[in-house]
C-alpha atoms as a PDB file:
ATOM      1  CA  UNK A   1       7.371  47.642  58.336  1.00  0.00           C
ATOM      2  CA  UNK A   2       6.059  50.363  56.105  1.00  0.00           C
ATOM      3  CA  UNK A   3       7.409  50.621  52.599  1.00  0.00           C
ATOM      4  CA  UNK A   4       8.708  53.956  51.393  1.00  0.00           C
ATOM      5  CA  UNK A   5       9.259  55.315  47.898  1.00  0.00           C
ATOM      6  CA  UNK A   6      12.790  55.339  46.482  1.00  0.00           C
ATOM      7  CA  UNK A   7      14.349  56.378  43.192  1.00  0.00           C
ATOM      8  CA  UNK A   8      16.984  54.057  41.744  1.00  0.00           C
ATOM      9  CA  UNK A   9      19.581  54.527  39.020  1.00  0.00           C
ATOM     10  CA  UNK A  10      21.559  51.371  38.316  1.00  0.00           C
ATOM     11  CA  UNK A  11      24.289  53.031  36.261  1.00  0.00           C
ATOM     12  CA  UNK A  12      25.194  55.506  39.015  1.00  0.00           C
ATOM     13  CA  UNK A  13      24.270  52.943  41.710  1.00  0.00           C
ATOM     14  CA  UNK A  14      22.096  55.511  43.400  1.00  0.00           C
ATOM     15  CA  UNK A  15      19.168  54.841  45.714  1.00  0.00           C
ATOM     16  CA  UNK A  16      17.459  57.946  47.055  1.00  0.00           C
ATOM     17  CA  UNK A  17      14.212  59.075  48.618  1.00  0.00           C
ATOM     18  CA  UNK A  18      14.647  62.400  46.844  1.00  0.00           C
ATOM     19  CA  UNK A  19      14.246  62.764  43.104  1.00  0.00           C
ATOM     20  CA  UNK A  20      17.207  64.666  41.735  1.00  0.00           C
ATOM     21  CA  UNK A  21      18.778  64.777  38.313  1.00  0.00           C
ATOM     22  CA  UNK A  22      18.457  61.427  36.569  1.00  0.00           C
ATOM     23  CA  UNK A  23      18.223  59.221  39.644  1.00  0.00           C
ATOM     24  CA  UNK A  24      14.679  58.127  38.756  1.00  0.00           C
ATOM     25  CA  UNK A  25      15.465  55.372  36.250  1.00  0.00           C
ATOM     26  CA  UNK A  26      13.227  53.172  38.429  1.00  0.00           C
ATOM     27  CA  UNK A  27      10.752  53.887  41.224  1.00  0.00           C
ATOM     28  CA  UNK A  28      10.545  51.255  43.944  1.00  0.00           C
ATOM     29  CA  UNK A  29       8.773  50.831  47.270  1.00  0.00           C
ATOM     30  CA  UNK A  30      10.756  49.102  49.981  1.00  0.00           C
ATOM     31  CA  UNK A  31      11.428  48.659  53.649  1.00  0.00           C
ATOM     32  CA  UNK A  32      14.776  49.665  55.154  1.00  0.00           C
ATOM     33  CA  UNK A  33      15.848  46.005  54.935  1.00  0.00           C
ATOM     34  CA  UNK A  34      14.898  45.875  51.236  1.00  0.00           C
ATOM     35  CA  UNK A  35      17.009  48.950  50.568  1.00  0.00           C
ATOM     36  CA  UNK A  36      19.975  47.524  52.486  1.00  0.00           C
ATOM     37  CA  UNK A  37      19.776  44.348  50.392  1.00  0.00           C
ATOM     38  CA  UNK A  38      19.498  46.325  47.143  1.00  0.00           C
ATOM     39  CA  UNK A  39      22.450  48.512  48.137  1.00  0.00           C
ATOM     40  CA  UNK A  40      24.481  45.353  48.824  1.00  0.00           C
ATOM     41  CA  UNK A  41      23.619  44.104  45.320  1.00  0.00           C
ATOM     42  CA  UNK A  42      24.816  47.378  43.822  1.00  0.00           C
ATOM     43  CA  UNK A  43      28.039  47.209  45.852  1.00  0.00           C
ATOM     44  CA  UNK A  44      28.603  43.610  44.733  1.00  0.00           C
ATOM     45  CA  UNK A  45      28.206  44.805  41.131  1.00  0.00           C
ATOM     46  CA  UNK A  46      30.845  47.456  41.720  1.00  0.00           C
ATOM     47  CA  UNK A  47      33.318  44.915  43.123  1.00  0.00           C
ATOM     48  CA  UNK A  48      32.672  42.506  40.261  1.00  0.00           C
ATOM     49  CA  UNK A  49      33.045  45.355  37.787  1.00  0.00           C
ATOM     50  CA  UNK A  50      36.508  46.115  39.148  1.00  0.00           C
ATOM     51  CA  UNK A  51      37.463  42.484  38.517  1.00  0.00           C
ATOM     52  CA  UNK A  52      36.234  42.724  34.934  1.00  0.00           C
ATOM     53  CA  UNK A  53      38.328  45.864  34.496  1.00  0.00           C
ATOM     54  CA  UNK A  54      41.498  43.988  35.423  1.00  0.00           C
ATOM     55  CA  UNK A  55      40.495  41.033  33.261  1.00  0.00           C
ATOM     56  CA  UNK A  56      40.066  43.318  30.275  1.00  0.00           C
ATOM     57  CA  UNK A  57      43.822  43.815  30.309  1.00  0.00           C
ATOM     58  CA  UNK A  58      44.301  40.126  29.539  1.00  0.00           C
ATOM     59  CA  UNK A  59      43.086  39.752  25.954  1.00  0.00           C
ATOM     60  CA  UNK A  60      43.646  36.009  25.898  1.00  0.00           C
ATOM     61  CA  UNK A  61      40.928  35.341  28.486  1.00  0.00           C
ATOM     62  CA  UNK A  62      37.514  34.882  26.891  1.00  0.00           C
ATOM     63  CA  UNK A  63      34.451  36.638  28.310  1.00  0.00           C
ATOM     64  CA  UNK A  64      32.394  33.486  28.658  1.00  0.00           C
ATOM     65  CA  UNK A  65      35.151  31.782  30.648  1.00  0.00           C
ATOM     66  CA  UNK A  66      35.702  34.495  33.186  1.00  0.00           C
ATOM     67  CA  UNK A  67      34.525  34.308  36.795  1.00  0.00           C
ATOM     68  CA  UNK A  68      34.460  38.091  37.247  1.00  0.00           C
ATOM     69  CA  UNK A  69      32.136  38.515  34.295  1.00  0.00           C
ATOM     70  CA  UNK A  70      29.916  35.743  35.628  1.00  0.00           C
ATOM     71  CA  UNK A  71      29.816  37.460  39.030  1.00  0.00           C
ATOM     72  CA  UNK A  72      28.952  40.811  37.454  1.00  0.00           C
ATOM     73  CA  UNK A  73      26.184  39.259  35.357  1.00  0.00           C
ATOM     74  CA  UNK A  74      24.752  37.470  38.409  1.00  0.00           C
ATOM     75  CA  UNK A  75      24.785  40.693  40.459  1.00  0.00           C
ATOM     76  CA  UNK A  76      23.129  42.606  37.631  1.00  0.00           C
ATOM     77  CA  UNK A  77      20.379  40.001  37.296  1.00  0.00           C
ATOM     78  CA  UNK A  78      19.793  39.947  41.049  1.00  0.00           C
ATOM     79  CA  UNK A  79      19.600  43.749  41.112  1.00  0.00           C
ATOM     80  CA  UNK A  80      17.055  43.870  38.291  1.00  0.00           C
ATOM     81  CA  UNK A  81      15.042  41.092  39.939  1.00  0.00           C
ATOM     82  CA  UNK A  82      14.879  43.068  43.193  1.00  0.00           C
ATOM     83  CA  UNK A  83      13.876  46.223  41.347  1.00  0.00           C
ATOM     84  CA  UNK A  84      11.202  44.235  39.524  1.00  0.00           C
ATOM     85  CA  UNK A  85       9.829  42.850  42.790  1.00  0.00           C
ATOM     86  CA  UNK A  86       9.859  46.242  44.553  1.00  0.00           C
ATOM     87  CA  UNK A  87       9.127  48.434  41.547  1.00  0.00           C
ATOM     88  CA  UNK A  88       6.063  50.345  40.490  1.00  0.00           C
ATOM     89  CA  UNK A  89       4.098  49.285  37.400  1.00  0.00           C
ATOM     90  CA  UNK A  90       6.331  51.321  35.076  1.00  0.00           C
ATOM     91  CA  UNK A  91       9.452  49.603  36.433  1.00  0.00           C
ATOM     92  CA  UNK A  92       7.853  46.174  36.095  1.00  0.00           C
ATOM     93  CA  UNK A  93       6.730  46.825  32.519  1.00  0.00           C
ATOM     94  CA  UNK A  94      10.175  48.105  31.546  1.00  0.00           C
ATOM     95  CA  UNK A  95      12.010  45.137  33.056  1.00  0.00           C
ATOM     96  CA  UNK A  96       9.573  42.639  31.514  1.00  0.00           C
ATOM     97  CA  UNK A  97      10.741  43.864  28.095  1.00  0.00           C
ATOM     98  CA  UNK A  98      14.404  43.132  28.814  1.00  0.00           C
ATOM     99  CA  UNK A  99      15.876  40.077  27.064  1.00  0.00           C
ATOM    100  CA  UNK A 100      17.067  38.496  30.310  1.00  0.00           C
ATOM    101  CA  UNK A 101      13.704  38.709  32.111  1.00  0.00           C
ATOM    102  CA  UNK A 102      13.125  34.958  31.744  1.00  0.00           C
ATOM    103  CA  UNK A 103      16.357  34.329  33.673  1.00  0.00           C
ATOM    104  CA  UNK A 104      14.801  35.661  36.914  1.00  0.00           C
ATOM    105  CA  UNK A 105      13.255  32.296  37.783  1.00  0.00           C
ATOM    106  CA  UNK A 106      16.789  30.841  37.983  1.00  0.00           C
ATOM    107  CA  UNK A 107      17.809  33.313  40.709  1.00  0.00           C
ATOM    108  CA  UNK A 108      17.148  32.552  44.342  1.00  0.00           C
END
């Protein structure tokens, strides 16, 4: 399948073929299946984020012992790994500078 150009903004969880506003945090090239998988990662992040919201109302539960936070972190890493693999040179260079870049080899 042919890869097409997409603009991605992780914060707004936007993936678009049209550049608009600030949706161009990253530029990637992917097949429809790649985009479906990336969208699923972003949706998983949103679900995990909701769990962290509810956990935040329980001050006695520590961050590093919380399954929702672990799930969110795993989704975030997987999302950045996909963007790195599909991204243009600028996206790759940006992600390589992130402190968690070395964690990518631990993700399937």
